[in-house]
């Protein structure tokens, strides 16, 4: 979507693209071991947070007019069933 349908989107689209790069930068250097840890077993681990973040971005992209769907959407419908199998407590 290089040419927005609305002038208001001229601000949103560059911000969305910048946000994409920021997301990549934040994850740089995180090991898989650290990404699967939950502090005191109470928080979501980074694997889940990153996946949820991407899932939400697909929703935002849909609102902006993109028709692609998150291929992992189903993983976030029943989070507790799979999340508990991927955790390590710190």
Protein backbone atom coordinates (compact mmCIF):
# COMPACT_ATOMS: atom_id res chain seq x y z
CA UNK A 1 0.00 0.00 0.00
CA UNK A 2 2.16 2.81 -1.25
CA UNK A 3 -0.67 5.17 -2.13
CA UNK A 4 -3.15 5.61 0.74
CA UNK A 5 -6.86 5.89 0.02
CA UNK A 6 -7.14 8.62 2.65
CA UNK A 7 -4.90 11.60 3.39
CA UNK A 8 -5.11 10.65 7.08
CA UNK A 9 -3.28 7.42 6.29
CA UNK A 10 -0.28 9.37 5.02
CA UNK A 11 0.79 9.65 8.66
CA UNK A 12 -0.20 6.14 9.73
CA UNK A 13 1.55 4.16 6.98
CA UNK A 14 5.08 5.56 7.60
CA UNK A 15 4.59 5.09 11.35
CA UNK A 16 3.52 1.49 10.75
CA UNK A 17 6.66 0.87 8.66
CA UNK A 18 8.89 2.48 11.31
CA UNK A 19 7.20 0.36 13.95
CA UNK A 20 8.07 -2.75 11.92
CA UNK A 21 11.78 -1.90 12.00
CA UNK A 22 11.64 -1.04 15.70
CA UNK A 23 10.10 -4.45 16.41
CA UNK A 24 13.00 -6.17 14.63
CA UNK A 25 15.55 -4.03 16.51
CA UNK A 26 14.01 -4.82 19.91
CA UNK A 27 14.29 -8.56 19.35
CA UNK A 28 17.87 -8.41 18.11
CA UNK A 29 20.21 -10.30 20.44
CA UNK A 30 17.51 -12.06 22.47
CA UNK A 31 18.30 -15.76 22.84
CA UNK A 32 15.57 -18.37 22.49
CA UNK A 33 16.25 -19.46 26.07
CA UNK A 34 15.61 -15.94 27.39
CA UNK A 35 12.64 -15.46 25.08
CA UNK A 36 10.86 -18.45 26.66
CA UNK A 37 11.35 -17.39 30.27
CA UNK A 38 8.49 -16.14 32.41
CA UNK A 39 9.35 -14.02 35.44
CA UNK A 40 8.03 -15.88 38.51
CA UNK A 41 5.72 -17.81 36.22
CA UNK A 42 3.38 -14.81 36.22
CA UNK A 43 4.15 -12.96 32.99
CA UNK A 44 3.85 -13.79 29.34
CA UNK A 45 7.18 -14.80 27.87
CA UNK A 46 8.70 -12.88 24.97
CA UNK A 47 7.78 -15.59 22.45
CA UNK A 48 4.10 -15.08 23.23
CA UNK A 49 4.39 -11.28 23.38
CA UNK A 50 6.13 -11.13 20.00
CA UNK A 51 3.57 -13.46 18.43
CA UNK A 52 0.68 -11.52 19.89
CA UNK A 53 2.25 -8.27 18.69
CA UNK A 54 2.48 -9.62 15.14
CA UNK A 55 -1.09 -10.95 15.34
CA UNK A 56 -2.37 -7.50 16.37
CA UNK A 57 -0.42 -5.89 13.52
CA UNK A 58 -2.20 -8.15 11.06
CA UNK A 59 -5.45 -6.81 12.49
CA UNK A 60 -4.28 -3.22 12.08
CA UNK A 61 -3.08 -3.96 8.55
CA UNK A 62 -6.53 -5.35 7.74
CA UNK A 63 -8.11 -2.11 8.95
CA UNK A 64 -5.69 -0.23 6.70
CA UNK A 65 -6.90 -2.24 3.71
CA UNK A 66 -4.45 -5.13 3.48
CA UNK A 67 -6.14 -8.49 3.02
CA UNK A 68 -3.40 -10.84 4.26
CA UNK A 69 -4.17 -13.00 7.27
CA UNK A 70 -1.85 -14.05 10.08
CA UNK A 71 -0.90 -17.67 9.32
CA UNK A 72 -0.55 -18.26 13.09
CA UNK A 73 -3.81 -16.60 14.14
CA UNK A 74 -5.16 -19.81 15.64
CA UNK A 75 -2.30 -19.95 18.15
CA UNK A 76 -3.71 -16.86 19.82
CA UNK A 77 -7.29 -18.11 20.07
CA UNK A 78 -6.47 -20.60 22.81
CA UNK A 79 -3.33 -19.07 24.31
CA UNK A 80 -3.28 -20.91 27.62
CA UNK A 81 -3.34 -24.34 26.00
CA UNK A 82 -0.06 -23.93 24.15
CA UNK A 83 1.61 -21.17 26.14
CA UNK A 84 2.04 -23.25 29.28
CA UNK A 85 3.95 -25.87 27.29
CA UNK A 86 6.55 -23.33 26.11
CA UNK A 87 7.56 -21.70 29.36
CA UNK A 88 10.48 -21.64 31.71
CA UNK A 89 10.24 -19.82 35.00
CA UNK A 90 12.98 -17.43 36.15
